[in-house]
Amino acid sequence: MTESLSEFAVTINDVPNAILESVPLMSDFLNAEGRFQVEKAIDAHAFSQIVAAAPPFGVSGTGLIAQLRNGIAAMRAEGANPTIAVVNATDSAALDLSADAGGMIFPTRDVGTASPLFGLTIIERTSATNAEPPYLIDAGMLGQLYLGAARLEADPFTGFRANLTTLRVEVKGLFHVRNAKGARRLAAT
C-alpha cells in the first residue's frame, strides 16, 4: 500500500511589516513561531499515524508508574526498547507530583531530558480533552518521518490598513509506521 504525503501548512496572521523588513527579526520570528506551528501539525500527523497502525495495548499494574514499567517490560519482550512516554497534561502533572512519605519521588529536571523514570523522555501531549491514554515509543523501531523542503509565502495585500502581512509556511511529509510494535498504548481498549 502506498501512503500519501500530507501537507503541513499553517498561516501566521497579522505579522507586523516591521518584522518582515528586518532580516534578523524575521529570521528569529520564523524560527520560533513558524517552526512551532508546523511542528504542532507534524506531531498531530505522527500521532494519528501511530493510532491508525493499532499498536499493541494493555494495562498491568496499579497507577501510572507501574503501568509504564510493565509496559516497558512487555515491549522489551517483543524486542523493542522504549525511550519515550507520551502522556497527556493530567498524567504528566501526576507523574511530576508523585510523592511518598519522603516527599517528591522524581527530582525536577529540564524539559525534554530523560527523566529518572526508567530513562524515559516524557513528552506532554497537548489536547482539548486531556483524555488520551499514555503511549510508550521506541522511535527507532516504530517508523520514520519523511519531510520535504519548507516553503514560505507572504500575502502583504490583506492588511494594508494595519500594516500587517499574512505568512503561510508549508512542508510536505509523511510519518511511516514501519513496525507497530515500536509503540504500546497503555489502555485496555
N, C-alpha and C. Protein backbone atom coordinates (compact mmCIF):
# COMPACT_ATOMS: atom_id res chain seq x y z
N MET A 1 0.84 -1.17 0.00
CA MET A 1 0.00 0.00 0.00
C MET A 1 0.89 1.25 0.00
N THR A 2 0.60 2.18 -0.86
CA THR A 2 1.34 3.43 -0.93
C THR A 2 0.63 4.48 -0.09
N GLU A 3 1.38 5.11 0.79
CA GLU A 3 0.80 6.15 1.64
C GLU A 3 0.98 7.50 0.98
N SER A 4 -0.01 8.36 1.12
CA SER A 4 0.05 9.69 0.54
C SER A 4 0.80 10.64 1.46
N LEU A 5 1.51 11.56 0.84
CA LEU A 5 2.16 12.62 1.63
C LEU A 5 1.09 13.53 2.21
N SER A 6 1.36 14.05 3.36
CA SER A 6 0.49 15.04 3.98
C SER A 6 1.13 16.39 3.81
N GLU A 7 0.29 17.41 3.72
CA GLU A 7 0.82 18.77 3.66
C GLU A 7 0.56 19.43 5.00
N PHE A 8 1.61 19.89 5.63
CA PHE A 8 1.51 20.59 6.90
C PHE A 8 1.66 22.07 6.57
N ALA A 9 0.55 22.78 6.58
CA ALA A 9 0.58 24.20 6.23
C ALA A 9 -0.11 24.99 7.33
N VAL A 10 0.52 26.04 7.73
CA VAL A 10 -0.06 26.92 8.74
C VAL A 10 0.06 28.35 8.25
N THR A 11 -0.88 29.16 8.67
CA THR A 11 -0.77 30.58 8.38
C THR A 11 -0.48 31.31 9.67
N ILE A 12 0.32 32.32 9.54
CA ILE A 12 0.64 33.18 10.67
C ILE A 12 0.09 34.55 10.28
N ASN A 13 -1.02 34.90 10.89
CA ASN A 13 -1.74 36.11 10.51
C ASN A 13 -1.21 37.34 11.22
N ASP A 14 -1.37 38.45 10.55
CA ASP A 14 -1.11 39.77 11.13
C ASP A 14 0.31 39.93 11.66
N VAL A 15 1.29 39.60 10.82
CA VAL A 15 2.69 39.81 11.18
C VAL A 15 3.02 41.27 10.88
N PRO A 16 3.50 41.99 11.85
CA PRO A 16 3.86 43.40 11.58
C PRO A 16 4.91 43.49 10.49
N ASN A 17 4.67 44.37 9.53
CA ASN A 17 5.61 44.54 8.42
C ASN A 17 7.00 44.93 8.90
N ALA A 18 7.09 45.58 10.04
CA ALA A 18 8.41 45.96 10.58
C ALA A 18 9.27 44.73 10.82
N ILE A 19 8.66 43.62 11.21
CA ILE A 19 9.41 42.38 11.41
C ILE A 19 9.93 41.87 10.07
N LEU A 20 9.07 41.93 9.04
CA LEU A 20 9.47 41.43 7.73
C LEU A 20 10.56 42.29 7.08
N GLU A 21 10.60 43.55 7.43
CA GLU A 21 11.59 44.46 6.86
C GLU A 21 12.95 44.33 7.53
N SER A 22 13.01 43.64 8.65
CA SER A 22 14.27 43.45 9.37
C SER A 22 14.65 41.98 9.27
N VAL A 23 15.71 41.69 8.54
CA VAL A 23 16.12 40.30 8.31
C VAL A 23 16.36 39.55 9.63
N PRO A 24 17.11 40.12 10.59
CA PRO A 24 17.33 39.36 11.83
C PRO A 24 16.02 39.10 12.59
N LEU A 25 15.12 40.09 12.65
CA LEU A 25 13.84 39.88 13.34
C LEU A 25 13.00 38.84 12.62
N MET A 26 12.97 38.89 11.29
CA MET A 26 12.18 37.93 10.53
C MET A 26 12.70 36.52 10.74
N SER A 27 14.01 36.35 10.70
CA SER A 27 14.60 35.04 10.91
C SER A 27 14.24 34.49 12.29
N ASP A 28 14.36 35.32 13.31
CA ASP A 28 14.01 34.89 14.67
C ASP A 28 12.53 34.53 14.76
N PHE A 29 11.68 35.35 14.15
CA PHE A 29 10.24 35.12 14.20
C PHE A 29 9.87 33.81 13.51
N LEU A 30 10.40 33.58 12.30
CA LEU A 30 10.07 32.35 11.57
C LEU A 30 10.62 31.13 12.28
N ASN A 31 11.82 31.23 12.83
CA ASN A 31 12.38 30.09 13.55
C ASN A 31 11.56 29.76 14.78
N ALA A 32 10.96 30.75 15.39
CA ALA A 32 10.17 30.49 16.60
C ALA A 32 8.72 30.13 16.25
N GLU A 33 7.97 31.06 15.72
CA GLU A 33 6.54 30.85 15.51
C GLU A 33 6.24 29.90 14.36
N GLY A 34 6.90 30.10 13.22
CA GLY A 34 6.65 29.22 12.08
C GLY A 34 7.00 27.78 12.39
N ARG A 35 8.16 27.58 12.97
CA ARG A 35 8.60 26.23 13.33
C ARG A 35 7.65 25.59 14.34
N PHE A 36 7.24 26.37 15.35
CA PHE A 36 6.33 25.86 16.38
C PHE A 36 5.02 25.38 15.76
N GLN A 37 4.43 26.19 14.89
CA GLN A 37 3.15 25.83 14.30
C GLN A 37 3.25 24.61 13.38
N VAL A 38 4.31 24.55 12.57
CA VAL A 38 4.49 23.41 11.68
C VAL A 38 4.77 22.14 12.49
N GLU A 39 5.59 22.25 13.53
CA GLU A 39 5.89 21.07 14.34
C GLU A 39 4.65 20.55 15.06
N LYS A 40 3.76 21.45 15.46
CA LYS A 40 2.49 21.01 16.05
C LYS A 40 1.68 20.18 15.06
N ALA A 41 1.63 20.63 13.82
CA ALA A 41 0.90 19.91 12.78
C ALA A 41 1.56 18.55 12.50
N ILE A 42 2.89 18.51 12.46
CA ILE A 42 3.60 17.25 12.23
C ILE A 42 3.38 16.29 13.39
N ASP A 43 3.42 16.79 14.62
CA ASP A 43 3.15 15.94 15.80
C ASP A 43 1.77 15.31 15.72
N ALA A 44 0.77 16.11 15.35
CA ALA A 44 -0.60 15.60 15.25
C ALA A 44 -0.67 14.52 14.17
N HIS A 45 0.01 14.72 13.04
CA HIS A 45 0.03 13.73 11.97
C HIS A 45 0.70 12.44 12.43
N ALA A 46 1.87 12.55 13.05
CA ALA A 46 2.58 11.36 13.51
C ALA A 46 1.74 10.59 14.52
N PHE A 47 1.11 11.31 15.44
CA PHE A 47 0.28 10.64 16.44
C PHE A 47 -0.89 9.91 15.78
N SER A 48 -1.53 10.55 14.79
CA SER A 48 -2.66 9.90 14.11
C SER A 48 -2.19 8.66 13.35
N GLN A 49 -0.98 8.69 12.76
CA GLN A 49 -0.44 7.52 12.06
C GLN A 49 -0.17 6.38 13.04
N ILE A 50 0.34 6.72 14.22
CA ILE A 50 0.61 5.69 15.24
C ILE A 50 -0.70 5.06 15.69
N VAL A 51 -1.70 5.88 15.98
CA VAL A 51 -3.01 5.37 16.41
C VAL A 51 -3.61 4.47 15.31
N ALA A 52 -3.53 4.91 14.04
CA ALA A 52 -4.09 4.14 12.93
C ALA A 52 -3.39 2.81 12.74
N ALA A 53 -2.12 2.71 13.13
CA ALA A 53 -1.37 1.45 12.99
C ALA A 53 -1.78 0.42 14.03
N ALA A 54 -2.62 0.82 14.99
CA ALA A 54 -3.13 -0.09 16.02
C ALA A 54 -2.01 -0.84 16.74
N PRO A 55 -1.15 -0.11 17.46
CA PRO A 55 -0.08 -0.79 18.20
C PRO A 55 -0.65 -1.65 19.32
N PRO A 56 0.16 -2.58 19.84
CA PRO A 56 -0.30 -3.39 20.97
C PRO A 56 -0.75 -2.49 22.13
N PHE A 57 -1.61 -3.03 22.96
CA PHE A 57 -2.11 -2.24 24.09
C PHE A 57 -2.32 -3.14 25.28
N GLY A 58 -2.47 -2.53 26.42
CA GLY A 58 -2.76 -3.25 27.64
C GLY A 58 -2.32 -2.45 28.85
N VAL A 59 -2.90 -2.79 29.97
CA VAL A 59 -2.56 -2.12 31.22
C VAL A 59 -2.30 -3.20 32.26
N SER A 60 -1.18 -3.09 32.93
CA SER A 60 -0.86 -4.01 34.01
C SER A 60 -0.22 -3.20 35.12
N GLY A 61 -0.83 -3.24 36.29
CA GLY A 61 -0.28 -2.51 37.42
C GLY A 61 -1.23 -1.45 37.93
N THR A 62 -1.00 -1.06 39.18
CA THR A 62 -1.81 -0.03 39.81
C THR A 62 -1.05 1.28 39.74
N GLY A 63 -1.65 2.25 39.10
CA GLY A 63 -1.01 3.56 38.98
C GLY A 63 -0.16 3.66 37.73
N LEU A 64 0.03 4.87 37.28
CA LEU A 64 0.73 5.12 36.02
C LEU A 64 2.19 4.67 36.04
N ILE A 65 2.86 4.84 37.15
CA ILE A 65 4.28 4.44 37.21
C ILE A 65 4.42 2.93 37.00
N ALA A 66 3.61 2.14 37.67
CA ALA A 66 3.65 0.69 37.50
C ALA A 66 3.22 0.30 36.08
N GLN A 67 2.23 0.98 35.54
CA GLN A 67 1.76 0.67 34.19
C GLN A 67 2.84 0.98 33.15
N LEU A 68 3.55 2.08 33.33
CA LEU A 68 4.64 2.40 32.41
C LEU A 68 5.74 1.34 32.49
N ARG A 69 6.12 0.96 33.71
CA ARG A 69 7.20 -0.02 33.86
C ARG A 69 6.80 -1.37 33.30
N ASN A 70 5.57 -1.80 33.54
CA ASN A 70 5.10 -3.08 33.00
C ASN A 70 4.96 -3.01 31.47
N GLY A 71 4.59 -1.84 30.95
CA GLY A 71 4.54 -1.65 29.50
C GLY A 71 5.92 -1.76 28.87
N ILE A 72 6.93 -1.19 29.55
CA ILE A 72 8.31 -1.32 29.08
C ILE A 72 8.70 -2.79 29.02
N ALA A 73 8.37 -3.54 30.06
CA ALA A 73 8.71 -4.97 30.09
C ALA A 73 8.02 -5.71 28.94
N ALA A 74 6.75 -5.40 28.68
CA ALA A 74 6.03 -6.06 27.58
C ALA A 74 6.66 -5.73 26.23
N MET A 75 7.08 -4.47 26.06
CA MET A 75 7.71 -4.09 24.79
C MET A 75 9.07 -4.76 24.63
N ARG A 76 9.84 -4.82 25.71
CA ARG A 76 11.15 -5.46 25.63
C ARG A 76 11.02 -6.94 25.30
N ALA A 77 9.96 -7.57 25.77
CA ALA A 77 9.72 -8.98 25.44
C ALA A 77 9.48 -9.16 23.94
N GLU A 78 9.07 -8.09 23.25
CA GLU A 78 8.82 -8.12 21.81
C GLU A 78 10.02 -7.60 21.01
N GLY A 79 11.11 -7.27 21.69
CA GLY A 79 12.31 -6.80 21.01
C GLY A 79 12.42 -5.29 20.90
N ALA A 80 11.50 -4.56 21.50
CA ALA A 80 11.54 -3.10 21.46
C ALA A 80 12.25 -2.57 22.70
N ASN A 81 12.73 -1.33 22.61
CA ASN A 81 13.35 -0.67 23.76
C ASN A 81 12.80 0.75 23.84
N PRO A 82 11.67 0.93 24.50
CA PRO A 82 11.04 2.25 24.54
C PRO A 82 11.90 3.27 25.30
N THR A 83 11.98 4.47 24.72
CA THR A 83 12.73 5.55 25.35
C THR A 83 11.87 6.79 25.54
N ILE A 84 10.64 6.75 25.04
CA ILE A 84 9.75 7.91 25.11
C ILE A 84 8.41 7.47 25.69
N ALA A 85 7.87 8.29 26.58
CA ALA A 85 6.50 8.12 27.06
C ALA A 85 5.74 9.39 26.67
N VAL A 86 4.67 9.22 25.93
CA VAL A 86 3.83 10.35 25.52
C VAL A 86 2.60 10.30 26.42
N VAL A 87 2.41 11.35 27.20
CA VAL A 87 1.30 11.39 28.16
C VAL A 87 0.53 12.70 28.00
N ASN A 88 -0.73 12.69 28.43
CA ASN A 88 -1.50 13.93 28.39
C ASN A 88 -1.08 14.81 29.57
N ALA A 89 -1.55 16.04 29.60
CA ALA A 89 -1.12 17.00 30.61
C ALA A 89 -1.48 16.55 32.03
N THR A 90 -2.63 15.94 32.19
CA THR A 90 -3.05 15.48 33.52
C THR A 90 -2.12 14.38 34.03
N ASP A 91 -1.82 13.40 33.18
CA ASP A 91 -0.92 12.32 33.58
C ASP A 91 0.50 12.84 33.81
N SER A 92 0.93 13.80 33.01
CA SER A 92 2.25 14.38 33.19
C SER A 92 2.36 15.07 34.55
N ALA A 93 1.34 15.83 34.90
CA ALA A 93 1.34 16.50 36.21
C ALA A 93 1.35 15.47 37.33
N ALA A 94 0.56 14.39 37.17
CA ALA A 94 0.53 13.35 38.20
C ALA A 94 1.90 12.71 38.38
N LEU A 95 2.61 12.48 37.27
CA LEU A 95 3.96 11.92 37.38
C LEU A 95 4.90 12.89 38.09
N ASP A 96 4.84 14.15 37.68
CA ASP A 96 5.72 15.16 38.30
C ASP A 96 5.46 15.32 39.79
N LEU A 97 4.22 15.14 40.19
CA LEU A 97 3.85 15.37 41.59
C LEU A 97 3.79 14.09 42.42
N SER A 98 4.23 12.98 41.84
CA SER A 98 4.24 11.72 42.59
C SER A 98 5.10 11.88 43.85
N ALA A 99 4.54 11.45 44.96
CA ALA A 99 5.25 11.61 46.23
C ALA A 99 5.05 10.37 47.09
N ASP A 100 5.99 10.17 48.00
CA ASP A 100 5.85 9.14 49.02
C ASP A 100 6.10 9.82 50.37
N ALA A 101 6.30 9.05 51.39
CA ALA A 101 6.48 9.63 52.73
C ALA A 101 7.69 10.56 52.80
N GLY A 102 8.66 10.36 51.92
CA GLY A 102 9.86 11.19 51.93
C GLY A 102 9.76 12.44 51.06
N GLY A 103 8.64 12.63 50.40
CA GLY A 103 8.46 13.79 49.53
C GLY A 103 8.34 13.38 48.08
N MET A 104 8.67 14.30 47.19
CA MET A 104 8.56 14.05 45.75
C MET A 104 9.47 12.89 45.35
N ILE A 105 8.95 12.02 44.51
CA ILE A 105 9.71 10.86 44.06
C ILE A 105 10.74 11.26 43.01
N PHE A 106 10.33 12.12 42.07
CA PHE A 106 11.21 12.49 40.96
C PHE A 106 11.69 13.92 41.15
N PRO A 107 13.00 14.12 41.09
CA PRO A 107 13.51 15.49 41.19
C PRO A 107 13.12 16.27 39.93
N THR A 108 13.07 17.58 40.04
CA THR A 108 12.77 18.38 38.85
C THR A 108 13.89 18.21 37.84
N ARG A 109 13.55 18.40 36.59
CA ARG A 109 14.52 18.20 35.52
C ARG A 109 14.25 19.20 34.41
N ASP A 110 15.16 19.25 33.47
CA ASP A 110 14.96 20.10 32.30
C ASP A 110 13.92 19.46 31.39
N VAL A 111 13.08 20.28 30.78
CA VAL A 111 12.07 19.78 29.87
C VAL A 111 12.74 19.06 28.71
N GLY A 112 12.19 17.91 28.35
CA GLY A 112 12.69 17.15 27.21
C GLY A 112 13.86 16.24 27.51
N THR A 113 14.41 16.28 28.72
CA THR A 113 15.52 15.39 29.05
C THR A 113 14.96 14.07 29.58
N ALA A 114 15.77 13.06 29.59
CA ALA A 114 15.33 11.78 30.12
C ALA A 114 15.05 11.93 31.61
N SER A 115 13.95 11.42 32.02
CA SER A 115 13.58 11.51 33.43
C SER A 115 14.20 10.35 34.20
N PRO A 116 14.14 10.42 35.50
CA PRO A 116 14.61 9.27 36.27
C PRO A 116 13.60 8.11 36.24
N LEU A 117 12.54 8.28 35.48
CA LEU A 117 11.50 7.25 35.36
C LEU A 117 11.91 6.25 34.28
N PHE A 118 12.78 5.33 34.61
CA PHE A 118 13.22 4.25 33.74
C PHE A 118 13.92 4.77 32.48
N GLY A 119 14.51 5.97 32.56
CA GLY A 119 15.23 6.55 31.42
C GLY A 119 14.34 7.06 30.30
N LEU A 120 13.04 7.14 30.54
CA LEU A 120 12.13 7.62 29.50
C LEU A 120 12.18 9.13 29.38
N THR A 121 12.12 9.63 28.17
CA THR A 121 11.88 11.05 27.96
C THR A 121 10.36 11.21 27.97
N ILE A 122 9.87 12.04 28.86
CA ILE A 122 8.43 12.24 28.99
C ILE A 122 8.03 13.40 28.08
N ILE A 123 7.12 13.14 27.17
CA ILE A 123 6.60 14.17 26.27
C ILE A 123 5.15 14.41 26.64
N GLU A 124 4.85 15.66 26.94
CA GLU A 124 3.48 16.03 27.31
C GLU A 124 2.74 16.45 26.05
N ARG A 125 1.72 15.69 25.71
CA ARG A 125 0.93 15.95 24.51
C ARG A 125 -0.22 16.88 24.85
N THR A 126 -0.34 17.94 24.10
CA THR A 126 -1.45 18.86 24.33
C THR A 126 -2.68 18.37 23.57
N SER A 127 -3.83 18.58 24.19
CA SER A 127 -5.08 18.19 23.54
C SER A 127 -6.22 18.94 24.19
N ALA A 128 -7.34 18.93 23.51
CA ALA A 128 -8.51 19.62 24.03
C ALA A 128 -9.17 18.83 25.16
N THR A 129 -9.07 17.50 25.11
CA THR A 129 -9.79 16.69 26.09
C THR A 129 -8.93 16.20 27.24
N ASN A 130 -7.64 16.09 27.03
CA ASN A 130 -6.73 15.58 28.05
C ASN A 130 -7.08 14.14 28.44
N ALA A 131 -7.68 13.40 27.53
CA ALA A 131 -8.13 12.05 27.85
C ALA A 131 -7.37 10.97 27.09
N GLU A 132 -6.39 11.34 26.28
CA GLU A 132 -5.66 10.33 25.52
C GLU A 132 -4.86 9.44 26.46
N PRO A 133 -4.83 8.14 26.18
CA PRO A 133 -4.04 7.25 27.02
C PRO A 133 -2.55 7.46 26.77
N PRO A 134 -1.71 7.09 27.72
CA PRO A 134 -0.27 7.18 27.51
C PRO A 134 0.20 6.18 26.44
N TYR A 135 1.28 6.53 25.76
CA TYR A 135 1.92 5.66 24.79
C TYR A 135 3.39 5.55 25.15
N LEU A 136 3.94 4.36 24.99
CA LEU A 136 5.37 4.15 25.06
C LEU A 136 5.87 4.02 23.63
N ILE A 137 7.03 4.59 23.34
CA ILE A 137 7.54 4.63 21.97
C ILE A 137 9.01 4.19 21.93
N ASP A 138 9.31 3.30 21.00
CA ASP A 138 10.68 3.00 20.59
C ASP A 138 10.80 3.64 19.21
N ALA A 139 11.34 4.85 19.17
CA ALA A 139 11.34 5.65 17.93
C ALA A 139 12.08 4.95 16.80
N GLY A 140 13.17 4.27 17.08
CA GLY A 140 13.92 3.60 16.04
C GLY A 140 13.16 2.44 15.41
N MET A 141 12.39 1.74 16.20
CA MET A 141 11.65 0.60 15.70
C MET A 141 10.33 1.03 15.05
N LEU A 142 9.72 2.06 15.61
CA LEU A 142 8.36 2.43 15.20
C LEU A 142 8.28 2.87 13.75
N GLY A 143 9.11 3.81 13.34
CA GLY A 143 8.96 4.29 11.97
C GLY A 143 9.87 5.45 11.64
N GLN A 144 9.53 6.12 10.56
CA GLN A 144 10.37 7.17 10.02
C GLN A 144 9.51 8.35 9.59
N LEU A 145 10.00 9.55 9.88
CA LEU A 145 9.35 10.77 9.43
C LEU A 145 10.09 11.27 8.19
N TYR A 146 9.36 11.41 7.10
CA TYR A 146 9.92 11.94 5.87
C TYR A 146 9.38 13.34 5.66
N LEU A 147 10.27 14.31 5.43
CA LEU A 147 9.87 15.69 5.22
C LEU A 147 10.49 16.25 3.96
N GLY A 148 9.70 17.04 3.24
CA GLY A 148 10.22 17.77 2.08
C GLY A 148 10.75 19.11 2.52
N ALA A 149 11.08 19.93 1.56
CA ALA A 149 11.59 21.26 1.86
C ALA A 149 10.45 22.17 2.32
N ALA A 150 10.75 23.05 3.24
CA ALA A 150 9.76 24.01 3.71
C ALA A 150 9.62 25.12 2.68
N ARG A 151 8.42 25.66 2.60
CA ARG A 151 8.14 26.75 1.67
C ARG A 151 7.44 27.87 2.42
N LEU A 152 7.78 29.09 2.10
CA LEU A 152 7.21 30.26 2.75
C LEU A 152 6.61 31.17 1.70
N GLU A 153 5.37 31.59 1.94
CA GLU A 153 4.72 32.56 1.07
C GLU A 153 4.21 33.70 1.92
N ALA A 154 4.23 34.89 1.36
CA ALA A 154 3.75 36.07 2.08
C ALA A 154 2.64 36.73 1.28
N ASP A 155 1.60 37.17 1.97
CA ASP A 155 0.49 37.89 1.35
C ASP A 155 0.39 39.27 2.00
N PRO A 156 1.08 40.27 1.42
CA PRO A 156 1.07 41.60 2.03
C PRO A 156 -0.16 42.41 1.66
N PHE A 157 -1.07 41.85 0.86
CA PHE A 157 -2.18 42.64 0.34
C PHE A 157 -3.43 42.60 1.21
N THR A 158 -3.42 41.81 2.26
CA THR A 158 -4.62 41.70 3.09
C THR A 158 -4.64 42.63 4.27
N GLY A 159 -3.54 43.25 4.61
CA GLY A 159 -3.53 44.04 5.84
C GLY A 159 -2.96 45.44 5.70
N PHE A 160 -3.12 46.07 4.51
CA PHE A 160 -2.53 47.39 4.33
C PHE A 160 -3.02 48.41 5.35
N ARG A 161 -4.29 48.31 5.75
CA ARG A 161 -4.81 49.29 6.70
C ARG A 161 -4.08 49.23 8.03
N ALA A 162 -3.65 48.04 8.41
CA ALA A 162 -2.99 47.88 9.71
C ALA A 162 -1.48 47.64 9.56
N ASN A 163 -0.97 47.70 8.30
CA ASN A 163 0.45 47.48 8.05
C ASN A 163 0.89 46.08 8.49
N LEU A 164 0.07 45.07 8.10
CA LEU A 164 0.31 43.68 8.50
C LEU A 164 0.39 42.78 7.28
N THR A 165 1.03 41.63 7.43
CA THR A 165 1.16 40.64 6.37
C THR A 165 0.78 39.27 6.94
N THR A 166 0.19 38.42 6.08
CA THR A 166 -0.10 37.04 6.47
C THR A 166 0.95 36.15 5.82
N LEU A 167 1.54 35.28 6.61
CA LEU A 167 2.55 34.34 6.12
C LEU A 167 1.95 32.93 6.08
N ARG A 168 2.38 32.15 5.11
CA ARG A 168 1.99 30.74 5.03
C ARG A 168 3.28 29.92 4.98
N VAL A 169 3.40 29.01 5.93
CA VAL A 169 4.54 28.11 5.99
C VAL A 169 4.01 26.72 5.71
N GLU A 170 4.64 26.02 4.78
CA GLU A 170 4.17 24.67 4.48
C GLU A 170 5.34 23.74 4.21
N VAL A 171 5.10 22.48 4.50
CA VAL A 171 6.07 21.43 4.22
C VAL A 171 5.27 20.15 3.99
N LYS A 172 5.71 19.34 3.05
CA LYS A 172 5.05 18.07 2.80
C LYS A 172 5.84 16.98 3.51
N GLY A 173 5.11 16.02 4.04
CA GLY A 173 5.79 14.96 4.75
C GLY A 173 4.89 13.78 5.03
N LEU A 174 5.48 12.78 5.63
CA LEU A 174 4.77 11.56 5.97
C LEU A 174 5.48 10.88 7.13
N PHE A 175 4.72 10.48 8.13
CA PHE A 175 5.27 9.61 9.16
C PHE A 175 4.84 8.21 8.80
N HIS A 176 5.80 7.37 8.47
CA HIS A 176 5.52 5.98 8.08
C HIS A 176 5.79 5.07 9.26
N VAL A 177 4.75 4.36 9.70
CA VAL A 177 4.90 3.39 10.78
C VAL A 177 5.44 2.10 10.15
N ARG A 178 6.67 1.79 10.47
CA ARG A 178 7.34 0.61 9.94
C ARG A 178 6.96 -0.64 10.72
N ASN A 179 6.89 -0.52 12.06
CA ASN A 179 6.58 -1.66 12.92
C ASN A 179 5.76 -1.16 14.11
N ALA A 180 4.49 -1.49 14.12
CA ALA A 180 3.58 -1.01 15.16
C ALA A 180 4.00 -1.48 16.56
N LYS A 181 4.83 -2.54 16.64
CA LYS A 181 5.29 -2.99 17.96
C LYS A 181 6.31 -2.03 18.57
N GLY A 182 6.67 -1.00 17.85
CA GLY A 182 7.54 0.06 18.37
C GLY A 182 6.77 1.05 19.23
N ALA A 183 5.47 0.81 19.40
CA ALA A 183 4.64 1.66 20.27
C ALA A 183 3.76 0.75 21.10
N ARG A 184 3.31 1.23 22.22
CA ARG A 184 2.37 0.50 23.07
C ARG A 184 1.45 1.49 23.73
N ARG A 185 0.15 1.28 23.55
CA ARG A 185 -0.86 2.11 24.18
C ARG A 185 -1.18 1.53 25.55
N LEU A 186 -1.10 2.36 26.57
CA LEU A 186 -1.39 1.87 27.93
C LEU A 186 -2.88 2.06 28.23
N ALA A 187 -3.67 1.24 27.57
CA ALA A 187 -5.12 1.26 27.77
C ALA A 187 -5.66 -0.12 27.42
N ALA A 188 -6.77 -0.45 28.03
CA ALA A 188 -7.34 -1.78 27.84
C ALA A 188 -8.02 -1.94 26.50
N THR A 189 -8.53 -0.85 25.92
CA THR A 189 -9.24 -0.99 24.63
C THR A 189 -8.79 0.05 23.65
